Amino acid sequence: MTKLEKYYGKFKEDHRLTTRHGIVEFSVSMHYINESLKEMARRTQREPSCIKILDVGAGTGRYSIALSHEGYDVTAVELVQHNLDILLSKHEKVKCWPGDARNMPFLPDGAFDVTILFGPLYHLHTVEDKLAALTEAKRVTKKGGLIFAGYVMNEYAVLTYCFKERNILSCLDSRTLAPDFHTITNDERDLYSYVRLEDINELDEKAALVRTKIFAPDGAADYMRRELNALTEEEFQKFIEYQLSVCERPELLGASSHVVDVLCV
């Protein structure tokens, strides 16, 4: 069993996106996905059932199932068998495949209108591996289609783990943090890989993908778990509205825990 399989065997992925900070991430991400899908349906004059979505790194199916319930034709690919088993146990109308984001030979070229890549890039450490996942997503997405690529951000890791949890000196001593405060991770030691906006820009250029927009689905939500939990339901809905209103602001993007890069093939 790999390190990733052990982690997701214990981690309750179904639960994460139903916590308040997870609901912010899910709600903002779905807003942008739905906005793009509705525009695509209007432009091509197709019903949702004729629009094909691929969810790579689908986990236990939070996005796959929600989009399937909206009538879209959804295919899910998941590397971790534990997650895939949970998704399959839900008996939803989602076509499921075990597979690695870097190599999906079971999927044909240009088969999908939209490809969601929210999990894999969190866990791929090298530029080569990240580029392989983006290139494979590009291969299976139709010309003119969209890729939603999710990343975990460097400053979130530094502010929470290094400073809030007071690991800054040990990280500098062990050289898991560079003198410029850029995280240094590797596949053998670390589960997550953290990036800055310039790293994402470099990947887009190498993959020859064109950004249509970039947004922060959760912003400060992950820093404010206790405060979000203390809000009334009405106050919490206002926080989601706030995040939607600021999620594309460039001065806030890099400090979000996640960023989603929307790319045109």
C-alpha atoms as a PDB file:
ATOM      1  CA  MET A   1       0.000   0.000   0.000  1.00  0.00           C
ATOM      2  CA  THR A   2       1.393   3.398  -0.982  1.00  0.00           C
ATOM      3  CA  LYS A   3       1.679   6.406   1.316  1.00  0.00           C
ATOM      4  CA  LEU A   4      -1.227   8.024  -0.547  1.00  0.00           C
ATOM      5  CA  GLU A   5      -3.410   4.927  -0.125  1.00  0.00           C
ATOM      6  CA  LYS A   6      -2.647   4.767   3.607  1.00  0.00           C
ATOM      7  CA  TYR A   7      -3.533   8.453   3.994  1.00  0.00           C
ATOM      8  CA  TYR A   8      -6.858   8.271   2.159  1.00  0.00           C
ATOM      9  CA  GLY A   9      -7.664   4.991   3.886  1.00  0.00           C
ATOM     10  CA  LYS A  10      -7.868   6.990   7.139  1.00  0.00           C
ATOM     11  CA  PHE A  11      -8.763  10.459   5.860  1.00  0.00           C
ATOM     12  CA  LYS A  12     -12.509  11.081   5.568  1.00  0.00           C
ATOM     13  CA  GLU A  13     -12.645  12.769   2.168  1.00  0.00           C
ATOM     14  CA  ASP A  14     -16.452  12.593   2.155  1.00  0.00           C
ATOM     15  CA  HIS A  15     -16.480  14.609   5.360  1.00  0.00           C
ATOM     16  CA  ARG A  16     -13.954  17.311   4.375  1.00  0.00           C
ATOM     17  CA  LEU A  17     -16.117  19.023   1.763  1.00  0.00           C
ATOM     18  CA  THR A  18     -19.115  19.029   4.129  1.00  0.00           C
ATOM     19  CA  THR A  19     -17.290  20.988   6.847  1.00  0.00           C
ATOM     20  CA  ARG A  20     -17.845  24.736   6.682  1.00  0.00           C
ATOM     21  CA  HIS A  21     -14.412  25.536   5.237  1.00  0.00           C
ATOM     22  CA  GLY A  22     -14.918  22.671   2.779  1.00  0.00           C
ATOM     23  CA  ILE A  23     -18.373  23.948   1.823  1.00  0.00           C
ATOM     24  CA  VAL A  24     -16.807  27.289   0.865  1.00  0.00           C
ATOM     25  CA  GLU A  25     -14.298  25.511  -1.410  1.00  0.00           C
ATOM     26  CA  PHE A  26     -16.984  23.284  -2.941  1.00  0.00           C
ATOM     27  CA  SER A  27     -19.551  26.076  -3.418  1.00  0.00           C
ATOM     28  CA  VAL A  28     -17.140  28.471  -5.137  1.00  0.00           C
ATOM     29  CA  SER A  29     -15.658  25.722  -7.329  1.00  0.00           C
ATOM     30  CA  MET A  30     -19.111  24.502  -8.370  1.00  0.00           C
ATOM     31  CA  HIS A  31     -20.164  28.068  -9.163  1.00  0.00           C
ATOM     32  CA  TYR A  32     -17.343  28.374 -11.699  1.00  0.00           C
ATOM     33  CA  ILE A  33     -17.820  24.877 -13.111  1.00  0.00           C
ATOM     34  CA  ASN A  34     -21.562  25.426 -13.551  1.00  0.00           C
ATOM     35  CA  GLU A  35     -21.023  28.860 -15.054  1.00  0.00           C
ATOM     36  CA  SER A  36     -18.729  27.332 -17.688  1.00  0.00           C
ATOM     37  CA  LEU A  37     -21.038  24.392 -18.374  1.00  0.00           C
ATOM     38  CA  LYS A  38     -24.099  26.596 -18.847  1.00  0.00           C
ATOM     39  CA  GLU A  39     -22.194  28.811 -21.264  1.00  0.00           C
ATOM     40  CA  MET A  40     -20.999  25.721 -23.140  1.00  0.00           C
ATOM     41  CA  ALA A  41     -24.558  24.345 -23.351  1.00  0.00           C
ATOM     42  CA  ARG A  42     -25.852  27.714 -24.584  1.00  0.00           C
ATOM     43  CA  ARG A  43     -23.080  28.125 -27.163  1.00  0.00           C
ATOM     44  CA  THR A  44     -23.343  24.594 -28.560  1.00  0.00           C
ATOM     45  CA  GLN A  45     -27.118  24.232 -28.041  1.00  0.00           C
ATOM     46  CA  ARG A  46     -26.695  20.928 -26.251  1.00  0.00           C
ATOM     47  CA  GLU A  47     -28.574  19.413 -23.347  1.00  0.00           C
ATOM     48  CA  PRO A  48     -26.566  18.599 -20.184  1.00  0.00           C
ATOM     49  CA  SER A  49     -26.768  14.878 -20.977  1.00  0.00           C
ATOM     50  CA  CYS A  50     -24.747  15.533 -24.149  1.00  0.00           C
ATOM     51  CA  ILE A  51     -21.934  17.320 -22.300  1.00  0.00           C
ATOM     52  CA  LYS A  52     -19.195  14.982 -21.095  1.00  0.00           C
ATOM     53  CA  ILE A  53     -17.237  15.685 -17.917  1.00  0.00           C
ATOM     54  CA  LEU A  54     -14.144  13.859 -16.680  1.00  0.00           C
ATOM     55  CA  ASP A  55     -13.298  14.077 -12.969  1.00  0.00           C
ATOM     56  CA  VAL A  56      -9.674  12.944 -12.489  1.00  0.00           C
ATOM     57  CA  GLY A  57      -8.729  12.252  -8.883  1.00  0.00           C
ATOM     58  CA  ALA A  58     -12.432  12.096  -8.106  1.00  0.00           C
ATOM     59  CA  GLY A  59     -11.967  10.852  -4.551  1.00  0.00           C
ATOM     60  CA  THR A  60     -15.267   9.600  -3.187  1.00  0.00           C
ATOM     61  CA  GLY A  61     -17.236  11.509  -5.809  1.00  0.00           C
ATOM     62  CA  ARG A  62     -18.305  14.828  -4.271  1.00  0.00           C
ATOM     63  CA  TYR A  63     -18.019  16.705  -7.569  1.00  0.00           C
ATOM     64  CA  SER A  64     -18.785  13.737  -9.849  1.00  0.00           C
ATOM     65  CA  ILE A  65     -22.062  12.945  -8.149  1.00  0.00           C
ATOM     66  CA  ALA A  66     -23.196  16.566  -7.879  1.00  0.00           C
ATOM     67  CA  LEU A  67     -22.590  17.109 -11.606  1.00  0.00           C
ATOM     68  CA  SER A  68     -24.246  13.805 -12.499  1.00  0.00           C
ATOM     69  CA  HIS A  69     -27.339  14.876 -10.533  1.00  0.00           C
ATOM     70  CA  GLU A  70     -27.421  18.017 -12.697  1.00  0.00           C
ATOM     71  CA  GLY A  71     -27.787  15.775 -15.736  1.00  0.00           C
ATOM     72  CA  TYR A  72     -24.248  15.773 -17.144  1.00  0.00           C
ATOM     73  CA  ASP A  73     -22.505  12.681 -18.511  1.00  0.00           C
ATOM     74  CA  VAL A  74     -19.767  12.129 -15.895  1.00  0.00           C
ATOM     75  CA  THR A  75     -16.750   9.815 -15.858  1.00  0.00           C
ATOM     76  CA  ALA A  76     -14.590   9.534 -12.741  1.00  0.00           C
ATOM     77  CA  VAL A  77     -10.980   8.333 -12.475  1.00  0.00           C
ATOM     78  CA  GLU A  78      -9.485   7.620  -9.057  1.00  0.00           C
ATOM     79  CA  LEU A  79      -6.106   6.194  -8.078  1.00  0.00           C
ATOM     80  CA  VAL A  80      -6.902   5.159  -4.484  1.00  0.00           C
ATOM     81  CA  GLN A  81      -8.991   1.987  -4.421  1.00  0.00           C
ATOM     82  CA  HIS A  82     -10.498   2.836  -1.009  1.00  0.00           C
ATOM     83  CA  ASN A  83     -11.951   6.059  -2.412  1.00  0.00           C
ATOM     84  CA  LEU A  84     -13.115   4.328  -5.578  1.00  0.00           C
ATOM     85  CA  ASP A  85     -14.886   1.627  -3.563  1.00  0.00           C
ATOM     86  CA  ILE A  86     -16.800   4.302  -1.619  1.00  0.00           C
ATOM     87  CA  LEU A  87     -17.796   6.028  -4.852  1.00  0.00           C
ATOM     88  CA  LEU A  88     -18.937   2.755  -6.414  1.00  0.00           C
ATOM     89  CA  SER A  89     -20.929   1.882  -3.285  1.00  0.00           C
ATOM     90  CA  LYS A  90     -23.093   4.962  -3.816  1.00  0.00           C
ATOM     91  CA  HIS A  91     -24.559   3.380  -7.008  1.00  0.00           C
ATOM     92  CA  GLU A  92     -24.697   6.687  -8.868  1.00  0.00           C
ATOM     93  CA  LYS A  93     -24.801   7.236 -12.627  1.00  0.00           C
ATOM     94  CA  VAL A  94     -21.073   7.932 -12.794  1.00  0.00           C
ATOM     95  CA  LYS A  95     -18.772   5.813 -14.949  1.00  0.00           C
ATOM     96  CA  CYS A  96     -15.783   4.884 -12.774  1.00  0.00           C
ATOM     97  CA  TRP A  97     -12.229   3.883 -13.647  1.00  0.00           C
ATOM     98  CA  PRO A  98      -9.184   3.113 -11.504  1.00  0.00           C
ATOM     99  CA  GLY A  99      -6.276   5.077 -12.882  1.00  0.00           C
ATOM    100  CA  ASP A 100      -3.346   7.470 -12.594  1.00  0.00           C
ATOM    101  CA  ALA A 101      -3.769  11.065 -13.819  1.00  0.00           C
ATOM    102  CA  ARG A 102      -0.428  10.864 -15.639  1.00  0.00           C
ATOM    103  CA  ASN A 103      -1.447   7.948 -17.848  1.00  0.00           C
ATOM    104  CA  MET A 104      -5.044   7.128 -18.780  1.00  0.00           C
ATOM    105  CA  PRO A 105      -4.783   4.920 -21.902  1.00  0.00           C
ATOM    106  CA  PHE A 106      -8.309   3.598 -21.315  1.00  0.00           C
ATOM    107  CA  LEU A 107      -9.717   7.031 -22.268  1.00  0.00           C
ATOM    108  CA  PRO A 108      -9.767   8.189 -25.924  1.00  0.00           C
ATOM    109  CA  ASP A 109      -8.366  11.446 -27.244  1.00  0.00           C
ATOM    110  CA  GLY A 110     -10.657  14.469 -27.165  1.00  0.00           C
ATOM    111  CA  ALA A 111     -13.534  12.676 -25.481  1.00  0.00           C
ATOM    112  CA  PHE A 112     -14.541  15.236 -22.839  1.00  0.00           C
ATOM    113  CA  ASP A 113     -15.874  18.770 -22.881  1.00  0.00           C
ATOM    114  CA  VAL A 114     -14.598  19.543 -19.383  1.00  0.00           C
ATOM    115  CA  THR A 115     -11.873  17.839 -17.346  1.00  0.00           C
ATOM    116  CA  ILE A 116     -11.609  18.430 -13.593  1.00  0.00           C
ATOM    117  CA  LEU A 117      -8.166  17.847 -12.106  1.00  0.00           C
ATOM    118  CA  PHE A 118      -8.631  18.728  -8.438  1.00  0.00           C
ATOM    119  CA  GLY A 119      -6.704  16.015  -6.587  1.00  0.00           C
ATOM    120  CA  PRO A 120      -3.691  14.786  -8.531  1.00  0.00           C
ATOM    121  CA  LEU A 121      -1.680  18.011  -8.693  1.00  0.00           C
ATOM    122  CA  TYR A 122      -1.777  18.235  -4.885  1.00  0.00           C
ATOM    123  CA  HIS A 123       0.290  15.064  -4.656  1.00  0.00           C
ATOM    124  CA  LEU A 124       2.651  15.197  -7.650  1.00  0.00           C
ATOM    125  CA  HIS A 125       5.986  16.704  -6.619  1.00  0.00           C
ATOM    126  CA  THR A 126       8.056  17.198  -9.748  1.00  0.00           C
ATOM    127  CA  VAL A 127       7.439  19.548 -12.641  1.00  0.00           C
ATOM    128  CA  GLU A 128       7.658  16.498 -14.927  1.00  0.00           C
ATOM    129  CA  ASP A 129       4.881  14.658 -13.083  1.00  0.00           C
ATOM    130  CA  LYS A 130       2.624  17.702 -12.875  1.00  0.00           C
ATOM    131  CA  LEU A 131       3.219  18.361 -16.554  1.00  0.00           C
ATOM    132  CA  ALA A 132       2.389  14.715 -17.371  1.00  0.00           C
ATOM    133  CA  ALA A 133      -0.988  15.063 -15.603  1.00  0.00           C
ATOM    134  CA  LEU A 134      -1.779  18.335 -17.375  1.00  0.00           C
ATOM    135  CA  THR A 135      -0.718  16.921 -20.744  1.00  0.00           C
ATOM    136  CA  GLU A 136      -2.876  13.834 -20.269  1.00  0.00           C
ATOM    137  CA  ALA A 137      -5.843  16.011 -19.264  1.00  0.00           C
ATOM    138  CA  LYS A 138      -5.240  18.058 -22.408  1.00  0.00           C
ATOM    139  CA  ARG A 139      -5.157  14.894 -24.548  1.00  0.00           C
ATOM    140  CA  VAL A 140      -8.548  13.633 -23.390  1.00  0.00           C
ATOM    141  CA  THR A 141     -10.254  17.042 -23.533  1.00  0.00           C
ATOM    142  CA  LYS A 142     -11.881  18.290 -26.726  1.00  0.00           C
ATOM    143  CA  LYS A 143     -10.357  21.182 -28.638  1.00  0.00           C
ATOM    144  CA  GLY A 144     -11.946  24.283 -27.174  1.00  0.00           C
ATOM    145  CA  GLY A 145     -12.845  22.408 -23.973  1.00  0.00           C
ATOM    146  CA  LEU A 146     -11.829  23.384 -20.448  1.00  0.00           C
ATOM    147  CA  ILE A 147      -9.548  21.969 -17.754  1.00  0.00           C
ATOM    148  CA  PHE A 148     -10.065  22.957 -14.107  1.00  0.00           C
ATOM    149  CA  ALA A 149      -6.667  22.350 -12.452  1.00  0.00           C
ATOM    150  CA  GLY A 150      -6.467  22.616  -8.659  1.00  0.00           C
ATOM    151  CA  TYR A 151      -3.342  23.329  -6.609  1.00  0.00           C
ATOM    152  CA  VAL A 152      -2.417  23.671  -2.927  1.00  0.00           C
ATOM    153  CA  MET A 153      -0.598  26.917  -2.293  1.00  0.00           C
ATOM    154  CA  ASN A 154       2.857  27.490  -0.835  1.00  0.00           C
ATOM    155  CA  GLU A 155       2.020  30.415   1.471  1.00  0.00           C
ATOM    156  CA  TYR A 156      -0.844  28.491   3.044  1.00  0.00           C
ATOM    157  CA  ALA A 157       1.615  25.742   4.015  1.00  0.00           C
ATOM    158  CA  VAL A 158       4.209  28.205   5.331  1.00  0.00           C
ATOM    159  CA  LEU A 159       1.742  30.269   7.359  1.00  0.00           C
ATOM    160  CA  THR A 160      -0.070  27.283   8.896  1.00  0.00           C
ATOM    161  CA  TYR A 161       2.579  24.589   9.349  1.00  0.00           C
ATOM    162  CA  CYS A 162       5.726  26.670   9.689  1.00  0.00           C
ATOM    163  CA  PHE A 163       4.458  29.618  11.719  1.00  0.00           C
ATOM    164  CA  LYS A 164       1.061  28.768  13.257  1.00  0.00           C
ATOM    165  CA  GLU A 165       2.294  25.313  14.305  1.00  0.00           C
ATOM    166  CA  ARG A 166       5.823  26.658  15.012  1.00  0.00           C
ATOM    167  CA  ASN A 167       7.830  24.384  12.749  1.00  0.00           C
ATOM    168  CA  ILE A 168       9.656  27.188  10.962  1.00  0.00           C
ATOM    169  CA  LEU A 169      13.132  26.604  12.417  1.00  0.00           C
ATOM    170  CA  SER A 170      13.073  22.834  11.956  1.00  0.00           C
ATOM    171  CA  CYS A 171      11.876  23.252   8.335  1.00  0.00           C
ATOM    172  CA  LEU A 172      14.723  25.647   7.582  1.00  0.00           C
ATOM    173  CA  ASP A 173      17.246  23.381   9.334  1.00  0.00           C
ATOM    174  CA  SER A 174      16.056  20.283   7.457  1.00  0.00           C
ATOM    175  CA  ARG A 175      15.981  22.221   4.181  1.00  0.00           C
ATOM    176  CA  THR A 176      12.343  21.395   3.527  1.00  0.00           C
ATOM    177  CA  LEU A 177      11.928  25.153   3.245  1.00  0.00           C
ATOM    178  CA  ALA A 178      14.210  27.252   1.057  1.00  0.00           C
ATOM    179  CA  PRO A 179      15.711  30.559   2.279  1.00  0.00           C
ATOM    180  CA  ASP A 180      13.083  32.353   0.131  1.00  0.00           C
ATOM    181  CA  PHE A 181      10.364  30.379   2.011  1.00  0.00           C
ATOM    182  CA  HIS A 182       9.451  28.180  -0.946  1.00  0.00           C
ATOM    183  CA  THR A 183       8.616  24.649   0.213  1.00  0.00           C
ATOM    184  CA  ILE A 184      10.862  21.808  -0.956  1.00  0.00           C
ATOM    185  CA  THR A 185       8.971  18.520  -1.139  1.00  0.00           C
ATOM    186  CA  ASN A 186       9.616  15.083  -2.549  1.00  0.00           C
ATOM    187  CA  ASP A 187       7.532  12.003  -3.217  1.00  0.00           C
ATOM    188  CA  GLU A 188       9.330   9.742  -0.731  1.00  0.00           C
ATOM    189  CA  ARG A 189       8.880  12.023   2.268  1.00  0.00           C
ATOM    190  CA  ASP A 190       5.877  14.274   1.645  1.00  0.00           C
ATOM    191  CA  LEU A 191       2.234  13.753   0.791  1.00  0.00           C
ATOM    192  CA  TYR A 192       1.482  17.225  -0.548  1.00  0.00           C
ATOM    193  CA  SER A 193       3.249  19.511  -3.009  1.00  0.00           C
ATOM    194  CA  TYR A 194       2.834  23.282  -2.652  1.00  0.00           C
ATOM    195  CA  VAL A 195       3.164  25.851  -5.407  1.00  0.00           C
ATOM    196  CA  ARG A 196       3.263  29.579  -6.023  1.00  0.00           C
ATOM    197  CA  LEU A 197       1.503  31.405  -8.846  1.00  0.00           C
ATOM    198  CA  GLU A 198       4.735  31.600 -10.848  1.00  0.00           C
ATOM    199  CA  ASP A 199       5.020  27.798 -10.665  1.00  0.00           C
ATOM    200  CA  ILE A 200       1.515  27.448 -12.111  1.00  0.00           C
ATOM    201  CA  ASN A 201       2.320  29.950 -14.854  1.00  0.00           C
ATOM    202  CA  GLU A 202       5.397  27.928 -15.794  1.00  0.00           C
ATOM    203  CA  LEU A 203       3.377  24.718 -16.029  1.00  0.00           C
ATOM    204  CA  ASP A 204       0.754  26.361 -18.246  1.00  0.00           C
ATOM    205  CA  GLU A 205       3.446  27.605 -20.600  1.00  0.00           C
ATOM    206  CA  LYS A 206       5.141  24.214 -20.826  1.00  0.00           C
ATOM    207  CA  ALA A 207       1.826  22.434 -21.396  1.00  0.00           C
ATOM    208  CA  ALA A 208       0.806  25.024 -24.018  1.00  0.00           C
ATOM    209  CA  LEU A 209      -2.485  25.669 -22.228  1.00  0.00           C
ATOM    210  CA  VAL A 210      -4.234  29.048 -22.229  1.00  0.00           C
ATOM    211  CA  ARG A 211      -5.680  30.378 -18.974  1.00  0.00           C
ATOM    212  CA  THR A 212      -9.208  31.764 -19.127  1.00  0.00           C
ATOM    213  CA  LYS A 213      -9.262  32.659 -15.423  1.00  0.00           C
ATOM    214  CA  ILE A 214      -7.786  31.699 -12.073  1.00  0.00           C
ATOM    215  CA  PHE A 215      -9.621  31.809  -8.746  1.00  0.00           C
ATOM    216  CA  ALA A 216      -9.247  30.955  -5.072  1.00  0.00           C
ATOM    217  CA  PRO A 217     -12.093  28.622  -4.074  1.00  0.00           C
ATOM    218  CA  ASP A 218     -11.572  28.915  -0.321  1.00  0.00           C
ATOM    219  CA  GLY A 219      -9.457  32.020   0.290  1.00  0.00           C
ATOM    220  CA  ALA A 220      -9.130  32.565   4.028  1.00  0.00           C
ATOM    221  CA  ALA A 221     -11.651  29.863   4.954  1.00  0.00           C
ATOM    222  CA  ASP A 222      -9.032  27.273   5.918  1.00  0.00           C
ATOM    223  CA  TYR A 223      -7.371  29.769   8.261  1.00  0.00           C
ATOM    224  CA  MET A 224     -10.728  30.533   9.901  1.00  0.00           C
ATOM    225  CA  ARG A 225     -12.214  27.129  10.689  1.00  0.00           C
ATOM    226  CA  ARG A 226     -13.167  27.968  14.277  1.00  0.00           C
ATOM    227  CA  GLU A 227     -14.580  31.360  13.296  1.00  0.00           C
ATOM    228  CA  LEU A 228     -16.619  29.898  10.437  1.00  0.00           C
ATOM    229  CA  ASN A 229     -18.058  27.246  12.730  1.00  0.00           C
ATOM    230  CA  ALA A 230     -19.225  29.992  15.121  1.00  0.00           C
ATOM    231  CA  LEU A 231     -21.202  31.852  12.435  1.00  0.00           C
ATOM    232  CA  THR A 232     -24.959  31.597  12.124  1.00  0.00           C
ATOM    233  CA  GLU A 233     -26.219  30.032   8.902  1.00  0.00           C
ATOM    234  CA  GLU A 234     -27.119  33.479   7.551  1.00  0.00           C
ATOM    235  CA  GLU A 235     -23.674  34.842   8.418  1.00  0.00           C
ATOM    236  CA  PHE A 236     -21.995  31.799   6.843  1.00  0.00           C
ATOM    237  CA  GLN A 237     -23.907  32.288   3.583  1.00  0.00           C
ATOM    238  CA  LYS A 238     -22.623  35.865   3.541  1.00  0.00           C
ATOM    239  CA  PHE A 239     -19.063  34.533   3.859  1.00  0.00           C
ATOM    240  CA  ILE A 240     -19.607  32.344   0.783  1.00  0.00           C
ATOM    241  CA  GLU A 241     -20.956  35.398  -1.058  1.00  0.00           C
ATOM    242  CA  TYR A 242     -17.882  37.342   0.084  1.00  0.00           C
ATOM    243  CA  GLN A 243     -15.510  34.657  -1.180  1.00  0.00           C
ATOM    244  CA  LEU A 244     -17.276  34.566  -4.528  1.00  0.00           C
ATOM    245  CA  SER A 245     -16.874  38.337  -4.788  1.00  0.00           C
ATOM    246  CA  VAL A 246     -13.108  38.341  -4.075  1.00  0.00           C
ATOM    247  CA  CYS A 247     -11.921  34.954  -5.341  1.00  0.00           C
ATOM    248  CA  GLU A 248     -10.332  36.340  -8.516  1.00  0.00           C
ATOM    249  CA  ARG A 249      -8.574  39.268  -6.835  1.00  0.00           C
ATOM    250  CA  PRO A 250      -4.864  38.874  -7.690  1.00  0.00           C
ATOM    251  CA  GLU A 251      -3.642  40.208  -4.345  1.00  0.00           C
ATOM    252  CA  LEU A 252      -5.478  37.398  -2.519  1.00  0.00           C
ATOM    253  CA  LEU A 253      -4.836  34.403  -4.778  1.00  0.00           C
ATOM    254  CA  GLY A 254      -1.453  33.277  -3.477  1.00  0.00           C
ATOM    255  CA  ALA A 255      -2.500  33.156   0.184  1.00  0.00           C
ATOM    256  CA  SER A 256      -5.522  30.920  -0.429  1.00  0.00           C
ATOM    257  CA  SER A 257      -5.138  27.287   0.609  1.00  0.00           C
ATOM    258  CA  HIS A 258      -6.260  26.225  -2.893  1.00  0.00           C
ATOM    259  CA  VAL A 259      -6.236  27.864  -6.308  1.00  0.00           C
ATOM    260  CA  VAL A 260      -8.059  26.636  -9.418  1.00  0.00           C
ATOM    261  CA  ASP A 261      -6.557  27.406 -12.819  1.00  0.00           C
ATOM    262  CA  VAL A 262      -9.149  27.322 -15.621  1.00  0.00           C
ATOM    263  CA  LEU A 263      -7.496  26.390 -18.902  1.00  0.00           C
ATOM    264  CA  CYS A 264      -8.690  26.277 -22.485  1.00  0.00           C
ATOM    265  CA  VAL A 265      -7.454  23.390 -24.641  1.00  0.00           C
END
